[in-house]
Amino acid sequence: MLTGKLPFNGETLGGLVLQITNAQFTPPEQINPGIPREVSNIIKRCLKKRSLMAAIKRLTNC
């Protein structure tokens, strides 16, 4: 783990899902300034929120 911290926390599975879908994460470079910009950009792109419709289309290949 590059930051030593999970991007989202929840005491229950439901709480975790709410965090993932609704909460903003702290950018990795704010937690660990030593993370290279390129790596930080990849992490942010992976954690970027997508619209529900885009996710449905991606998962159903429509």
N, C-alpha and C. Protein backbone atom coordinates (compact mmCIF):
# COMPACT_ATOMS: atom_id res chain seq x y z
N MET A 1 0.86 -1.17 0.00
CA MET A 1 0.00 0.00 0.00
C MET A 1 0.91 1.24 0.00
N LEU A 2 0.73 2.10 -0.95
CA LEU A 2 1.59 3.28 -1.09
C LEU A 2 1.37 4.33 -0.02
N THR A 3 0.15 4.45 0.45
CA THR A 3 -0.14 5.51 1.42
C THR A 3 -0.19 5.00 2.86
N GLY A 4 -0.31 3.71 3.04
CA GLY A 4 -0.46 3.15 4.37
C GLY A 4 -1.88 3.33 4.91
N LYS A 5 -2.79 3.72 4.03
CA LYS A 5 -4.16 4.01 4.44
C LYS A 5 -5.12 3.57 3.34
N LEU A 6 -6.24 2.96 3.73
CA LEU A 6 -7.26 2.58 2.74
C LEU A 6 -8.00 3.83 2.27
N PRO A 7 -8.40 3.88 1.01
CA PRO A 7 -9.10 5.07 0.52
C PRO A 7 -10.51 5.22 1.10
N PHE A 8 -11.13 4.10 1.51
CA PHE A 8 -12.48 4.12 2.06
C PHE A 8 -12.55 3.17 3.24
N ASN A 9 -13.33 3.53 4.24
CA ASN A 9 -13.52 2.68 5.42
C ASN A 9 -15.00 2.56 5.71
N GLY A 10 -15.39 1.42 6.19
CA GLY A 10 -16.76 1.21 6.64
C GLY A 10 -16.77 0.11 7.67
N GLU A 11 -17.56 0.28 8.71
CA GLU A 11 -17.63 -0.74 9.75
C GLU A 11 -18.40 -1.97 9.29
N THR A 12 -19.27 -1.78 8.30
CA THR A 12 -20.03 -2.90 7.74
C THR A 12 -19.86 -2.87 6.22
N LEU A 13 -20.26 -3.93 5.57
CA LEU A 13 -20.19 -3.97 4.11
C LEU A 13 -21.03 -2.86 3.50
N GLY A 14 -22.22 -2.65 4.06
CA GLY A 14 -23.09 -1.58 3.56
C GLY A 14 -22.45 -0.21 3.72
N GLY A 15 -21.82 0.00 4.87
CA GLY A 15 -21.12 1.27 5.12
C GLY A 15 -19.97 1.48 4.16
N LEU A 16 -19.26 0.41 3.86
CA LEU A 16 -18.16 0.49 2.92
C LEU A 16 -18.66 0.82 1.51
N VAL A 17 -19.74 0.17 1.10
CA VAL A 17 -20.31 0.44 -0.22
C VAL A 17 -20.76 1.90 -0.32
N LEU A 18 -21.37 2.42 0.74
CA LEU A 18 -21.77 3.83 0.73
C LEU A 18 -20.56 4.75 0.60
N GLN A 19 -19.50 4.42 1.30
CA GLN A 19 -18.28 5.23 1.19
C GLN A 19 -17.73 5.20 -0.23
N ILE A 20 -17.66 4.01 -0.81
CA ILE A 20 -17.11 3.88 -2.16
C ILE A 20 -17.94 4.64 -3.18
N THR A 21 -19.27 4.56 -3.05
CA THR A 21 -20.12 5.19 -4.05
C THR A 21 -20.34 6.68 -3.83
N ASN A 22 -20.22 7.17 -2.59
CA ASN A 22 -20.57 8.56 -2.32
C ASN A 22 -19.45 9.45 -1.82
N ALA A 23 -18.48 8.91 -1.14
CA ALA A 23 -17.46 9.74 -0.49
C ALA A 23 -16.29 10.02 -1.44
N GLN A 24 -15.65 11.14 -1.20
CA GLN A 24 -14.43 11.47 -1.94
C GLN A 24 -13.24 10.92 -1.16
N PHE A 25 -12.22 10.49 -1.86
CA PHE A 25 -11.02 9.98 -1.22
C PHE A 25 -9.97 11.10 -1.14
N THR A 26 -9.07 10.95 -0.21
CA THR A 26 -7.96 11.89 -0.10
C THR A 26 -6.94 11.53 -1.17
N PRO A 27 -6.55 12.49 -2.01
CA PRO A 27 -5.57 12.17 -3.05
C PRO A 27 -4.29 11.59 -2.44
N PRO A 28 -3.74 10.56 -3.08
CA PRO A 28 -2.58 9.86 -2.51
C PRO A 28 -1.39 10.78 -2.24
N GLU A 29 -1.18 11.77 -3.09
CA GLU A 29 -0.02 12.64 -2.90
C GLU A 29 -0.16 13.54 -1.67
N GLN A 30 -1.39 13.70 -1.18
CA GLN A 30 -1.58 14.47 0.06
C GLN A 30 -1.23 13.63 1.28
N ILE A 31 -1.38 12.33 1.18
CA ILE A 31 -1.05 11.43 2.28
C ILE A 31 0.45 11.12 2.28
N ASN A 32 1.00 10.88 1.10
CA ASN A 32 2.41 10.55 0.95
C ASN A 32 2.99 11.37 -0.20
N PRO A 33 3.59 12.52 0.10
CA PRO A 33 4.13 13.37 -0.97
C PRO A 33 5.24 12.72 -1.79
N GLY A 34 5.76 11.59 -1.34
CA GLY A 34 6.81 10.90 -2.07
C GLY A 34 6.32 10.04 -3.22
N ILE A 35 5.01 9.90 -3.35
CA ILE A 35 4.45 9.10 -4.45
C ILE A 35 4.65 9.87 -5.76
N PRO A 36 5.24 9.22 -6.77
CA PRO A 36 5.42 9.90 -8.06
C PRO A 36 4.07 10.34 -8.65
N ARG A 37 4.07 11.47 -9.33
CA ARG A 37 2.85 12.03 -9.91
C ARG A 37 2.15 11.04 -10.82
N GLU A 38 2.93 10.32 -11.64
CA GLU A 38 2.33 9.37 -12.58
C GLU A 38 1.58 8.26 -11.83
N VAL A 39 2.16 7.77 -10.76
CA VAL A 39 1.53 6.72 -9.97
C VAL A 39 0.27 7.27 -9.30
N SER A 40 0.36 8.45 -8.75
CA SER A 40 -0.79 9.09 -8.12
C SER A 40 -1.93 9.27 -9.12
N ASN A 41 -1.60 9.66 -10.34
CA ASN A 41 -2.63 9.84 -11.38
C ASN A 41 -3.32 8.52 -11.71
N ILE A 42 -2.57 7.43 -11.74
CA ILE A 42 -3.16 6.11 -12.01
C ILE A 42 -4.13 5.74 -10.89
N ILE A 43 -3.71 5.96 -9.65
CA ILE A 43 -4.57 5.63 -8.51
C ILE A 43 -5.85 6.45 -8.58
N LYS A 44 -5.73 7.75 -8.85
CA LYS A 44 -6.92 8.61 -8.91
C LYS A 44 -7.84 8.19 -10.04
N ARG A 45 -7.27 7.79 -11.17
CA ARG A 45 -8.10 7.34 -12.29
C ARG A 45 -8.85 6.05 -11.92
N CYS A 46 -8.20 5.16 -11.20
CA CYS A 46 -8.85 3.91 -10.78
C CYS A 46 -9.97 4.16 -9.77
N LEU A 47 -9.83 5.17 -8.93
CA LEU A 47 -10.82 5.46 -7.90
C LEU A 47 -11.87 6.47 -8.34
N LYS A 48 -11.76 6.95 -9.57
CA LYS A 48 -12.71 7.95 -10.07
C LYS A 48 -14.12 7.37 -10.10
N LYS A 49 -15.06 8.18 -9.69
CA LYS A 49 -16.47 7.77 -9.69
C LYS A 49 -16.99 7.77 -11.13
N ARG A 50 -17.77 6.78 -11.44
CA ARG A 50 -18.40 6.69 -12.75
C ARG A 50 -19.91 6.73 -12.54
N SER A 51 -20.61 7.17 -13.56
CA SER A 51 -22.06 7.19 -13.44
C SER A 51 -22.60 5.77 -13.43
N LEU A 52 -23.74 5.58 -12.83
CA LEU A 52 -24.35 4.27 -12.75
C LEU A 52 -24.64 3.71 -14.14
N MET A 53 -25.14 4.54 -15.04
CA MET A 53 -25.46 4.07 -16.39
C MET A 53 -24.20 3.63 -17.12
N ALA A 54 -23.11 4.37 -16.97
CA ALA A 54 -21.87 3.98 -17.62
C ALA A 54 -21.38 2.64 -17.09
N ALA A 55 -21.52 2.42 -15.79
CA ALA A 55 -21.10 1.15 -15.19
C ALA A 55 -21.97 0.00 -15.71
N ILE A 56 -23.27 0.22 -15.82
CA ILE A 56 -24.17 -0.81 -16.32
C ILE A 56 -23.82 -1.16 -17.76
N LYS A 57 -23.59 -0.16 -18.58
CA LYS A 57 -23.22 -0.42 -19.98
C LYS A 57 -21.91 -1.17 -20.07
N ARG A 58 -20.94 -0.80 -19.24
CA ARG A 58 -19.65 -1.46 -19.28
C ARG A 58 -19.78 -2.91 -18.85
N LEU A 59 -20.59 -3.17 -17.83
CA LEU A 59 -20.72 -4.54 -17.33
C LEU A 59 -21.56 -5.43 -18.22
N THR A 60 -22.50 -4.84 -18.96
CA THR A 60 -23.35 -5.65 -19.83
C THR A 60 -22.89 -5.64 -21.28
N ASN A 61 -21.81 -4.91 -21.55
CA ASN A 61 -21.25 -4.82 -22.91
C ASN A 61 -22.26 -4.31 -23.92
N CYS A 62 -23.10 -3.37 -23.54
CA CYS A 62 -24.10 -2.79 -24.46
C CYS A 62 -23.57 -1.52 -25.08
